[in-house]
Amino acid sequence: MVSGTPQAGLPPEVDLTVLLEGGQQHTIRVEPQNPLLQQLFETLIAKPEDRGQRVFQIPVKDGKAILCFPSDRLVGVVTEPPLIVQPQGNQQPATQPGVDPLAPGM
């Protein structure tokens, strides 16, 4: 994930839809450098037995409510515009817009 100053090519904000077990979903707008985005991607990338049990608490409805859910209920995330996660060895995942990690030569 990008930290510090905005990286060239990343949008100023991203629409993030959190997909939960049971078909629930919630969309919020975040900056690409928001630690929440990093934490969600790290949870998705981790093997189920390595996820640990944590509770996400995400402000929704312009901060007038909080969405709380345990990490084992997270099914996926949708980012618009697309941000692609590319784990790099022992480093934390990084996001890049428009890069297909499954493309040949990656």
PDB file of N, CA and C in Angstrom:
ATOM      1  N   MET A   1       0.845  -1.169   0.000  1.00  0.00           N
ATOM      2  CA  MET A   1       0.000   0.000   0.000  1.00  0.00           C
ATOM      3  C   MET A   1       0.886   1.226   0.000  1.00  0.00           C
ATOM      4  N   VAL A   2       0.364   2.264  -0.506  1.00  0.00           N
ATOM      5  CA  VAL A   2       1.087   3.519  -0.587  1.00  0.00           C
ATOM      6  C   VAL A   2       0.962   4.231   0.751  1.00  0.00           C
ATOM      7  N   SER A   3       2.056   4.813   1.218  1.00  0.00           N
ATOM      8  CA  SER A   3       1.993   5.583   2.455  1.00  0.00           C
ATOM      9  C   SER A   3       2.700   6.899   2.232  1.00  0.00           C
ATOM     10  N   GLY A   4       2.433   7.851   3.119  1.00  0.00           N
ATOM     11  CA  GLY A   4       3.075   9.157   3.009  1.00  0.00           C
ATOM     12  C   GLY A   4       2.424   9.996   1.932  1.00  0.00           C
ATOM     13  N   THR A   5       3.215  10.512   0.998  1.00  0.00           N
ATOM     14  CA  THR A   5       2.692  11.383  -0.041  1.00  0.00           C
ATOM     15  C   THR A   5       1.976  10.561  -1.107  1.00  0.00           C
ATOM     16  N   PRO A   6       0.966  11.139  -1.754  1.00  0.00           N
ATOM     17  CA  PRO A   6       0.251  10.402  -2.797  1.00  0.00           C
ATOM     18  C   PRO A   6       1.178   9.993  -3.926  1.00  0.00           C
ATOM     19  N   GLN A   7       0.988   8.776  -4.415  1.00  0.00           N
ATOM     20  CA  GLN A   7       1.799   8.242  -5.515  1.00  0.00           C
ATOM     21  C   GLN A   7       1.166   8.674  -6.830  1.00  0.00           C
ATOM     22  N   ALA A   8       2.015   8.993  -7.790  1.00  0.00           N
ATOM     23  CA  ALA A   8       1.520   9.370  -9.107  1.00  0.00           C
ATOM     24  C   ALA A   8       0.662   8.238  -9.659  1.00  0.00           C
ATOM     25  N   GLY A   9      -0.447   8.587 -10.251  1.00  0.00           N
ATOM     26  CA  GLY A   9      -1.316   7.588 -10.842  1.00  0.00           C
ATOM     27  C   GLY A   9      -2.427   7.107  -9.933  1.00  0.00           C
ATOM     28  N   LEU A  10      -2.348   7.366  -8.636  1.00  0.00           N
ATOM     29  CA  LEU A  10      -3.414   6.963  -7.730  1.00  0.00           C
ATOM     30  C   LEU A  10      -4.446   8.086  -7.647  1.00  0.00           C
ATOM     31  N   PRO A  11      -5.720   7.734  -7.613  1.00  0.00           N
ATOM     32  CA  PRO A  11      -6.758   8.754  -7.505  1.00  0.00           C
ATOM     33  C   PRO A  11      -6.765   9.368  -6.110  1.00  0.00           C
ATOM     34  N   PRO A  12      -7.344  10.568  -5.945  1.00  0.00           N
ATOM     35  CA  PRO A  12      -7.399  11.179  -4.616  1.00  0.00           C
ATOM     36  C   PRO A  12      -8.312  10.418  -3.662  1.00  0.00           C
ATOM     37  N   GLU A  13      -9.356   9.768  -4.198  1.00  0.00           N
ATOM     38  CA  GLU A  13     -10.274   8.976  -3.380  1.00  0.00           C
ATOM     39  C   GLU A  13     -10.677   7.712  -4.143  1.00  0.00           C
ATOM     40  N   VAL A  14     -11.070   6.706  -3.375  1.00  0.00           N
ATOM     41  CA  VAL A  14     -11.481   5.424  -3.929  1.00  0.00           C
ATOM     42  C   VAL A  14     -12.804   5.045  -3.289  1.00  0.00           C
ATOM     43  N   ASP A  15     -13.761   4.586  -4.097  1.00  0.00           N
ATOM     44  CA  ASP A  15     -14.985   4.008  -3.545  1.00  0.00           C
ATOM     45  C   ASP A  15     -14.663   2.574  -3.170  1.00  0.00           C
ATOM     46  N   LEU A  16     -14.834   2.244  -1.900  1.00  0.00           N
ATOM     47  CA  LEU A  16     -14.496   0.929  -1.362  1.00  0.00           C
ATOM     48  C   LEU A  16     -15.780   0.232  -0.921  1.00  0.00           C
ATOM     49  N   THR A  17     -16.073  -0.895  -1.545  1.00  0.00           N
ATOM     50  CA  THR A  17     -17.226  -1.696  -1.138  1.00  0.00           C
ATOM     51  C   THR A  17     -16.708  -2.907  -0.386  1.00  0.00           C
ATOM     52  N   VAL A  18     -17.141  -3.058   0.854  1.00  0.00           N
ATOM     53  CA  VAL A  18     -16.757  -4.179   1.707  1.00  0.00           C
ATOM     54  C   VAL A  18     -17.824  -5.259   1.542  1.00  0.00           C
ATOM     55  N   LEU A  19     -17.393  -6.444   1.130  1.00  0.00           N
ATOM     56  CA  LEU A  19     -18.298  -7.572   0.925  1.00  0.00           C
ATOM     57  C   LEU A  19     -18.179  -8.520   2.108  1.00  0.00           C
ATOM     58  N   LEU A  20     -19.315  -8.802   2.747  1.00  0.00           N
ATOM     59  CA  LEU A  20     -19.330  -9.631   3.943  1.00  0.00           C
ATOM     60  C   LEU A  20     -20.077 -10.936   3.697  1.00  0.00           C
ATOM     61  N   GLU A  21     -19.729 -11.936   4.479  1.00  0.00           N
ATOM     62  CA  GLU A  21     -20.397 -13.222   4.427  1.00  0.00           C
ATOM     63  C   GLU A  21     -21.893 -12.999   4.611  1.00  0.00           C
ATOM     64  N   GLY A  22     -22.690 -13.729   3.861  1.00  0.00           N
ATOM     65  CA  GLY A  22     -24.136 -13.585   3.951  1.00  0.00           C
ATOM     66  C   GLY A  22     -24.703 -12.596   2.944  1.00  0.00           C
ATOM     67  N   GLY A  23     -23.833 -12.015   2.102  1.00  0.00           N
ATOM     68  CA  GLY A  23     -24.302 -11.137   1.050  1.00  0.00           C
ATOM     69  C   GLY A  23     -24.412  -9.668   1.425  1.00  0.00           C
ATOM     70  N   GLN A  24     -24.034  -9.304   2.628  1.00  0.00           N
ATOM     71  CA  GLN A  24     -24.059  -7.895   3.021  1.00  0.00           C
ATOM     72  C   GLN A  24     -22.922  -7.159   2.344  1.00  0.00           C
ATOM     73  N   GLN A  25     -23.148  -5.892   2.001  1.00  0.00           N
ATOM     74  CA  GLN A  25     -22.086  -5.063   1.447  1.00  0.00           C
ATOM     75  C   GLN A  25     -22.328  -3.617   1.834  1.00  0.00           C
ATOM     76  N   HIS A  26     -21.224  -2.889   1.998  1.00  0.00           N
ATOM     77  CA  HIS A  26     -21.275  -1.481   2.384  1.00  0.00           C
ATOM     78  C   HIS A  26     -20.196  -0.742   1.605  1.00  0.00           C
ATOM     79  N   THR A  27     -20.552   0.432   1.078  1.00  0.00           N
ATOM     80  CA  THR A  27     -19.618   1.224   0.293  1.00  0.00           C
ATOM     81  C   THR A  27     -19.288   2.511   1.028  1.00  0.00           C
ATOM     82  N   ILE A  28     -17.999   2.826   1.082  1.00  0.00           N
ATOM     83  CA  ILE A  28     -17.526   4.079   1.672  1.00  0.00           C
ATOM     84  C   ILE A  28     -16.481   4.669   0.735  1.00  0.00           C
ATOM     85  N   ARG A  29     -16.148   5.927   0.935  1.00  0.00           N
ATOM     86  CA  ARG A  29     -15.122   6.584   0.133  1.00  0.00           C
ATOM     87  C   ARG A  29     -13.905   6.811   1.032  1.00  0.00           C
ATOM     88  N   VAL A  30     -12.715   6.388   0.552  1.00  0.00           N
ATOM     89  CA  VAL A  30     -11.472   6.527   1.311  1.00  0.00           C
ATOM     90  C   VAL A  30     -10.359   7.018   0.398  1.00  0.00           C
ATOM     91  N   GLU A  31      -9.305   7.536   1.000  1.00  0.00           N
ATOM     92  CA  GLU A  31      -8.089   7.854   0.260  1.00  0.00           C
ATOM     93  C   GLU A  31      -7.307   6.564   0.061  1.00  0.00           C
ATOM     94  N   PRO A  32      -6.554   6.438  -1.033  1.00  0.00           N
ATOM     95  CA  PRO A  32      -5.795   5.204  -1.268  1.00  0.00           C
ATOM     96  C   PRO A  32      -4.781   4.901  -0.170  1.00  0.00           C
ATOM     97  N   GLN A  33      -4.343   5.921   0.582  1.00  0.00           N
ATOM     98  CA  GLN A  33      -3.363   5.726   1.647  1.00  0.00           C
ATOM     99  C   GLN A  33      -4.018   5.394   2.991  1.00  0.00           C
ATOM    100  N   ASN A  34      -5.335   5.302   3.039  1.00  0.00           N
ATOM    101  CA  ASN A  34      -6.038   5.021   4.286  1.00  0.00           C
ATOM    102  C   ASN A  34      -5.599   3.664   4.834  1.00  0.00           C
ATOM    103  N   PRO A  35      -5.182   3.602   6.101  1.00  0.00           N
ATOM    104  CA  PRO A  35      -4.740   2.324   6.693  1.00  0.00           C
ATOM    105  C   PRO A  35      -5.814   1.239   6.639  1.00  0.00           C
ATOM    106  N   LEU A  36      -7.076   1.623   6.630  1.00  0.00           N
ATOM    107  CA  LEU A  36      -8.152   0.637   6.551  1.00  0.00           C
ATOM    108  C   LEU A  36      -8.038  -0.197   5.280  1.00  0.00           C
ATOM    109  N   LEU A  37      -7.734   0.434   4.181  1.00  0.00           N
ATOM    110  CA  LEU A  37      -7.582  -0.273   2.912  1.00  0.00           C
ATOM    111  C   LEU A  37      -6.473  -1.317   3.019  1.00  0.00           C
ATOM    112  N   GLN A  38      -5.368  -0.924   3.603  1.00  0.00           N
ATOM    113  CA  GLN A  38      -4.236  -1.835   3.813  1.00  0.00           C
ATOM    114  C   GLN A  38      -4.657  -3.010   4.694  1.00  0.00           C
ATOM    115  N   GLN A  39      -5.352  -2.735   5.782  1.00  0.00           N
ATOM    116  CA  GLN A  39      -5.760  -3.786   6.715  1.00  0.00           C
ATOM    117  C   GLN A  39      -6.729  -4.771   6.058  1.00  0.00           C
ATOM    118  N   LEU A  40      -7.657  -4.251   5.264  1.00  0.00           N
ATOM    119  CA  LEU A  40      -8.594  -5.136   4.568  1.00  0.00           C
ATOM    120  C   LEU A  40      -7.869  -6.027   3.568  1.00  0.00           C
ATOM    121  N   PHE A  41      -6.954  -5.445   2.776  1.00  0.00           N
ATOM    122  CA  PHE A  41      -6.199  -6.243   1.816  1.00  0.00           C
ATOM    123  C   PHE A  41      -5.344  -7.284   2.531  1.00  0.00           C
ATOM    124  N   GLU A  42      -4.693  -6.922   3.610  1.00  0.00           N
ATOM    125  CA  GLU A  42      -3.862  -7.876   4.362  1.00  0.00           C
ATOM    126  C   GLU A  42      -4.706  -9.019   4.895  1.00  0.00           C
ATOM    127  N   THR A  43      -5.913  -8.721   5.364  1.00  0.00           N
ATOM    128  CA  THR A  43      -6.809  -9.760   5.866  1.00  0.00           C
ATOM    129  C   THR A  43      -7.199 -10.708   4.741  1.00  0.00           C
ATOM    130  N   LEU A  44      -7.512 -10.175   3.579  1.00  0.00           N
ATOM    131  CA  LEU A  44      -7.894 -11.014   2.444  1.00  0.00           C
ATOM    132  C   LEU A  44      -6.744 -11.893   1.958  1.00  0.00           C
ATOM    133  N   ILE A  45      -5.545 -11.359   1.974  1.00  0.00           N
ATOM    134  CA  ILE A  45      -4.381 -12.090   1.476  1.00  0.00           C
ATOM    135  C   ILE A  45      -3.959 -13.205   2.426  1.00  0.00           C
ATOM    136  N   ALA A  46      -4.154 -13.000   3.718  1.00  0.00           N
ATOM    137  CA  ALA A  46      -3.715 -13.981   4.720  1.00  0.00           C
ATOM    138  C   ALA A  46      -4.518 -15.275   4.600  1.00  0.00           C
ATOM    139  N   LYS A  47      -3.861 -16.386   4.864  1.00  0.00           N
ATOM    140  CA  LYS A  47      -4.550 -17.669   4.922  1.00  0.00           C
ATOM    141  C   LYS A  47      -5.559 -17.599   6.064  1.00  0.00           C
ATOM    142  N   PRO A  48      -6.690 -18.291   5.936  1.00  0.00           N
ATOM    143  CA  PRO A  48      -7.710 -18.216   6.992  1.00  0.00           C
ATOM    144  C   PRO A  48      -7.168 -18.506   8.391  1.00  0.00           C
ATOM    145  N   GLU A  49      -6.257 -19.467   8.501  1.00  0.00           N
ATOM    146  CA  GLU A  49      -5.720 -19.795   9.828  1.00  0.00           C
ATOM    147  C   GLU A  49      -4.747 -18.733  10.339  1.00  0.00           C
ATOM    148  N   ASP A  50      -4.246 -17.867   9.439  1.00  0.00           N
ATOM    149  CA  ASP A  50      -3.313 -16.807   9.839  1.00  0.00           C
ATOM    150  C   ASP A  50      -3.986 -15.456  10.032  1.00  0.00           C
ATOM    151  N   ARG A  51      -5.273 -15.370   9.759  1.00  0.00           N
ATOM    152  CA  ARG A  51      -5.974 -14.082   9.854  1.00  0.00           C
ATOM    153  C   ARG A  51      -6.095 -13.572  11.278  1.00  0.00           C
ATOM    154  N   GLY A  52      -6.173 -14.485  12.232  1.00  0.00           N
ATOM    155  CA  GLY A  52      -6.410 -14.035  13.594  1.00  0.00           C
ATOM    156  C   GLY A  52      -7.831 -13.515  13.699  1.00  0.00           C
ATOM    157  N   GLN A  53      -8.224 -13.182  14.883  1.00  0.00           N
ATOM    158  CA  GLN A  53      -9.571 -12.653  15.077  1.00  0.00           C
ATOM    159  C   GLN A  53      -9.469 -11.191  15.463  1.00  0.00           C
ATOM    160  N   ARG A  54      -9.940 -10.325  14.612  1.00  0.00           N
ATOM    161  CA  ARG A  54      -9.961  -8.903  14.892  1.00  0.00           C
ATOM    162  C   ARG A  54     -11.323  -8.379  14.483  1.00  0.00           C
ATOM    163  N   VAL A  55     -11.662  -7.220  14.991  1.00  0.00           N
ATOM    164  CA  VAL A  55     -12.929  -6.588  14.652  1.00  0.00           C
ATOM    165  C   VAL A  55     -12.641  -5.309  13.881  1.00  0.00           C
ATOM    166  N   PHE A  56     -13.221  -5.197  12.710  1.00  0.00           N
ATOM    167  CA  PHE A  56     -13.132  -3.959  11.936  1.00  0.00           C
ATOM    168  C   PHE A  56     -14.248  -3.036  12.401  1.00  0.00           C
ATOM    169  N   GLN A  57     -13.935  -1.764  12.557  1.00  0.00           N
ATOM    170  CA  GLN A  57     -14.911  -0.740  12.919  1.00  0.00           C
ATOM    171  C   GLN A  57     -14.760   0.391  11.905  1.00  0.00           C
ATOM    172  N   ILE A  58     -15.701   0.467  10.980  1.00  0.00           N
ATOM    173  CA  ILE A  58     -15.606   1.390   9.855  1.00  0.00           C
ATOM    174  C   ILE A  58     -16.715   2.430   9.948  1.00  0.00           C
ATOM    175  N   PRO A  59     -16.354   3.714  10.004  1.00  0.00           N
ATOM    176  CA  PRO A  59     -17.393   4.750  10.008  1.00  0.00           C
ATOM    177  C   PRO A  59     -18.176   4.737   8.696  1.00  0.00           C
ATOM    178  N   VAL A  60     -19.501   4.820   8.786  1.00  0.00           N
ATOM    179  CA  VAL A  60     -20.388   4.889   7.628  1.00  0.00           C
ATOM    180  C   VAL A  60     -21.392   6.019   7.851  1.00  0.00           C
ATOM    181  N   LYS A  61     -22.159   6.339   6.832  1.00  0.00           N
ATOM    182  CA  LYS A  61     -23.174   7.391   6.901  1.00  0.00           C
ATOM    183  C   LYS A  61     -22.584   8.700   7.395  1.00  0.00           C
ATOM    184  N   ASP A  62     -21.488   9.112   6.743  1.00  0.00           N
ATOM    185  CA  ASP A  62     -20.808  10.367   7.087  1.00  0.00           C
ATOM    186  C   ASP A  62     -20.404  10.427   8.562  1.00  0.00           C
ATOM    187  N   GLY A  63     -19.985   9.282   9.106  1.00  0.00           N
ATOM    188  CA  GLY A  63     -19.520   9.224  10.486  1.00  0.00           C
ATOM    189  C   GLY A  63     -20.633   9.158  11.519  1.00  0.00           C
ATOM    190  N   LYS A  64     -21.870   9.026  11.086  1.00  0.00           N
ATOM    191  CA  LYS A  64     -23.003   8.966  12.012  1.00  0.00           C
ATOM    192  C   LYS A  64     -23.299   7.550  12.485  1.00  0.00           C
ATOM    193  N   ALA A  65     -22.593   6.572  11.918  1.00  0.00           N
ATOM    194  CA  ALA A  65     -22.773   5.173  12.294  1.00  0.00           C
ATOM    195  C   ALA A  65     -21.452   4.452  12.093  1.00  0.00           C
ATOM    196  N   ILE A  66     -21.359   3.260  12.682  1.00  0.00           N
ATOM    197  CA  ILE A  66     -20.144   2.440  12.544  1.00  0.00           C
ATOM    198  C   ILE A  66     -20.560   1.042  12.109  1.00  0.00           C
ATOM    199  N   LEU A  67     -19.875   0.544  11.081  1.00  0.00           N
ATOM    200  CA  LEU A  67     -20.034  -0.832  10.641  1.00  0.00           C
ATOM    201  C   LEU A  67     -18.983  -1.659  11.371  1.00  0.00           C
ATOM    202  N   CYS A  68     -19.411  -2.630  12.168  1.00  0.00           N
ATOM    203  CA  CYS A  68     -18.483  -3.503  12.907  1.00  0.00           C
ATOM    204  C   CYS A  68     -18.685  -4.937  12.428  1.00  0.00           C
ATOM    205  N   PHE A  69     -17.573  -5.624  12.172  1.00  0.00           N
ATOM    206  CA  PHE A  69     -17.655  -7.028  11.788  1.00  0.00           C
ATOM    207  C   PHE A  69     -16.328  -7.704  12.100  1.00  0.00           C
ATOM    208  N   PRO A  70     -16.367  -9.003  12.427  1.00  0.00           N
ATOM    209  CA  PRO A  70     -15.124  -9.741  12.668  1.00  0.00           C
ATOM    210  C   PRO A  70     -14.426 -10.059  11.346  1.00  0.00           C
ATOM    211  N   SER A  71     -13.117 -10.132  11.390  1.00  0.00           N
ATOM    212  CA  SER A  71     -12.319 -10.329  10.174  1.00  0.00           C
ATOM    213  C   SER A  71     -12.665 -11.614   9.429  1.00  0.00           C
ATOM    214  N   ASP A  72     -13.132 -12.635  10.128  1.00  0.00           N
ATOM    215  CA  ASP A  72     -13.448 -13.885   9.435  1.00  0.00           C
ATOM    216  C   ASP A  72     -14.734 -13.799   8.617  1.00  0.00           C
ATOM    217  N   ARG A  73     -15.452 -12.692   8.688  1.00  0.00           N
ATOM    218  CA  ARG A  73     -16.671 -12.492   7.890  1.00  0.00           C
ATOM    219  C   ARG A  73     -16.396 -11.720   6.602  1.00  0.00           C
ATOM    220  N   LEU A  74     -15.161 -11.231   6.447  1.00  0.00           N
ATOM    221  CA  LEU A  74     -14.786 -10.496   5.249  1.00  0.00           C
ATOM    222  C   LEU A  74     -14.626 -11.459   4.076  1.00  0.00           C
ATOM    223  N   VAL A  75     -15.361 -11.209   2.991  1.00  0.00           N
ATOM    224  CA  VAL A  75     -15.321 -12.069   1.818  1.00  0.00           C
ATOM    225  C   VAL A  75     -14.501 -11.425   0.707  1.00  0.00           C
ATOM    226  N   GLY A  76     -14.603 -10.098   0.571  1.00  0.00           N
ATOM    227  CA  GLY A  76     -13.879  -9.420  -0.492  1.00  0.00           C
ATOM    228  C   GLY A  76     -14.064  -7.920  -0.409  1.00  0.00           C
ATOM    229  N   VAL A  77     -13.354  -7.210  -1.265  1.00  0.00           N
ATOM    230  CA  VAL A  77     -13.514  -5.764  -1.394  1.00  0.00           C
ATOM    231  C   VAL A  77     -13.555  -5.423  -2.879  1.00  0.00           C
ATOM    232  N   VAL A  78     -14.288  -4.376  -3.187  1.00  0.00           N
ATOM    233  CA  VAL A  78     -14.343  -3.844  -4.543  1.00  0.00           C
ATOM    234  C   VAL A  78     -13.846  -2.413  -4.456  1.00  0.00           C
ATOM    235  N   THR A  79     -12.887  -2.051  -5.297  1.00  0.00           N
ATOM    236  CA  THR A  79     -12.390  -0.675  -5.326  1.00  0.00           C
ATOM    237  C   THR A  79     -12.686  -0.076  -6.691  1.00  0.00           C
ATOM    238  N   GLU A  80     -13.134   1.159  -6.666  1.00  0.00           N
ATOM    239  CA  GLU A  80     -13.419   1.878  -7.898  1.00  0.00           C
ATOM    240  C   GLU A  80     -12.828   3.274  -7.788  1.00  0.00           C
ATOM    241  N   PRO A  81     -11.851   3.618  -8.586  1.00  0.00           N
ATOM    242  CA  PRO A  81     -11.249   2.827  -9.651  1.00  0.00           C
ATOM    243  C   PRO A  81     -10.492   1.627  -9.076  1.00  0.00           C
ATOM    244  N   PRO A  82     -10.161   0.663  -9.927  1.00  0.00           N
ATOM    245  CA  PRO A  82      -9.518  -0.562  -9.437  1.00  0.00           C
ATOM    246  C   PRO A  82      -8.124  -0.311  -8.874  1.00  0.00           C
ATOM    247  N   LEU A  83      -7.863  -0.926  -7.728  1.00  0.00           N
ATOM    248  CA  LEU A  83      -6.525  -0.967  -7.137  1.00  0.00           C
ATOM    249  C   LEU A  83      -6.137  -2.429  -7.058  1.00  0.00           C
ATOM    250  N   ILE A  84      -4.988  -2.767  -7.587  1.00  0.00           N
ATOM    251  CA  ILE A  84      -4.519  -4.149  -7.624  1.00  0.00           C
ATOM    252  C   ILE A  84      -3.487  -4.352  -6.522  1.00  0.00           C
ATOM    253  N   VAL A  85      -3.647  -5.421  -5.747  1.00  0.00           N
ATOM    254  CA  VAL A  85      -2.722  -5.739  -4.672  1.00  0.00           C
ATOM    255  C   VAL A  85      -1.654  -6.667  -5.224  1.00  0.00           C
ATOM    256  N   GLN A  86      -0.405  -6.322  -4.973  1.00  0.00           N
ATOM    257  CA  GLN A  86       0.701  -7.163  -5.402  1.00  0.00           C
ATOM    258  C   GLN A  86       1.639  -7.399  -4.228  1.00  0.00           C
ATOM    259  N   PRO A  87       1.492  -8.545  -3.523  1.00  0.00           N
ATOM    260  CA  PRO A  87       2.439  -8.849  -2.451  1.00  0.00           C
ATOM    261  C   PRO A  87       3.844  -8.940  -3.032  1.00  0.00           C
ATOM    262  N   GLN A  88       4.806  -8.387  -2.312  1.00  0.00           N
ATOM    263  CA  GLN A  88       6.189  -8.359  -2.794  1.00  0.00           C
ATOM    264  C   GLN A  88       7.095  -8.999  -1.753  1.00  0.00           C
ATOM    265  N   GLY A  89       7.245 -10.314  -1.833  1.00  0.00           N
ATOM    266  CA  GLY A  89       8.104 -11.026  -0.885  1.00  0.00           C
ATOM    267  C   GLY A  89       7.606 -10.836   0.529  1.00  0.00           C
ATOM    268  N   ASN A  90       8.513 -10.407   1.420  1.00  0.00           N
ATOM    269  CA  ASN A  90       8.154 -10.186   2.813  1.00  0.00           C
ATOM    270  C   ASN A  90       7.594  -8.797   3.058  1.00  0.00           C
ATOM    271  N   GLN A  91       7.539  -7.973   2.026  1.00  0.00           N
ATOM    272  CA  GLN A  91       7.016  -6.639   2.189  1.00  0.00           C
ATOM    273  C   GLN A  91       5.505  -6.675   2.261  1.00  0.00           C
ATOM    274  N   GLN A  92       4.926  -5.562   2.737  1.00  0.00           N
ATOM    275  CA  GLN A  92       3.487  -5.453   2.788  1.00  0.00           C
ATOM    276  C   GLN A  92       2.950  -5.303   1.377  1.00  0.00           C
ATOM    277  N   PRO A  93       1.674  -5.662   1.174  1.00  0.00           N
ATOM    278  CA  PRO A  93       1.091  -5.536  -0.154  1.00  0.00           C
ATOM    279  C   PRO A  93       1.114  -4.092  -0.631  1.00  0.00           C
ATOM    280  N   ALA A  94       1.268  -3.920  -1.941  1.00  0.00           N
ATOM    281  CA  ALA A  94       1.233  -2.591  -2.540  1.00  0.00           C
ATOM    282  C   ALA A  94       0.087  -2.548  -3.525  1.00  0.00           C
ATOM    283  N   THR A  95      -0.485  -1.382  -3.710  1.00  0.00           N
ATOM    284  CA  THR A  95      -1.564  -1.260  -4.675  1.00  0.00           C
ATOM    285  C   THR A  95      -1.079  -0.465  -5.867  1.00  0.00           C
ATOM    286  N   GLN A  96      -1.545  -0.861  -7.018  1.00  0.00           N
ATOM    287  CA  GLN A  96      -1.217  -0.156  -8.243  1.00  0.00           C
ATOM    288  C   GLN A  96      -2.469  -0.104  -9.095  1.00  0.00           C
ATOM    289  N   PRO A  97      -2.812   1.054  -9.622  1.00  0.00           N
ATOM    290  CA  PRO A  97      -3.989   1.105 -10.480  1.00  0.00           C
ATOM    291  C   PRO A  97      -3.725   0.469 -11.829  1.00  0.00           C
ATOM    292  N   GLY A  98      -4.682  -0.327 -12.295  1.00  0.00           N
ATOM    293  CA  GLY A  98      -4.627  -0.849 -13.662  1.00  0.00           C
ATOM    294  C   GLY A  98      -3.538  -1.843 -13.961  1.00  0.00           C
ATOM    295  N   VAL A  99      -2.974  -2.517 -12.969  1.00  0.00           N
ATOM    296  CA  VAL A  99      -1.925  -3.510 -13.206  1.00  0.00           C
ATOM    297  C   VAL A  99      -2.506  -4.870 -12.913  1.00  0.00           C
ATOM    298  N   ASP A 100      -2.434  -5.774 -13.864  1.00  0.00           N
ATOM    299  CA  ASP A 100      -2.965  -7.121 -13.699  1.00  0.00           C
ATOM    300  C   ASP A 100      -1.874  -8.027 -13.140  1.00  0.00           C
ATOM    301  N   PRO A 101      -1.996  -8.461 -11.843  1.00  0.00           N
ATOM    302  CA  PRO A 101      -0.964  -9.298 -11.246  1.00  0.00           C
ATOM    303  C   PRO A 101      -0.886 -10.682 -11.876  1.00  0.00           C
ATOM    304  N   LEU A 102      -1.897 -11.075 -12.649  1.00  0.00           N
ATOM    305  CA  LEU A 102      -1.892 -12.392 -13.281  1.00  0.00           C
ATOM    306  C   LEU A 102      -1.386 -12.330 -14.719  1.00  0.00           C
ATOM    307  N   ALA A 103      -1.016 -11.141 -15.167  1.00  0.00           N
ATOM    308  CA  ALA A 103      -0.535 -10.999 -16.543  1.00  0.00           C
ATOM    309  C   ALA A 103       0.796 -11.726 -16.696  1.00  0.00           C
ATOM    310  N   PRO A 104       1.062 -12.274 -17.885  1.00  0.00           N
ATOM    311  CA  PRO A 104       2.334 -12.958 -18.113  1.00  0.00           C
ATOM    312  C   PRO A 104       3.527 -12.050 -17.812  1.00  0.00           C
ATOM    313  N   GLY A 105       4.540 -12.636 -17.214  1.00  0.00           N
ATOM    314  CA  GLY A 105       5.757 -11.872 -16.929  1.00  0.00           C
ATOM    315  C   GLY A 105       5.720 -11.124 -15.618  1.00  0.00           C
ATOM    316  N   MET A 106       4.659 -11.267 -14.854  1.00  0.00           N
ATOM    317  CA  MET A 106       4.559 -10.564 -13.564  1.00  0.00           C
ATOM    318  C   MET A 106       5.074 -11.453 -12.477  1.00  0.00           C
TER     319      MET A 106
END
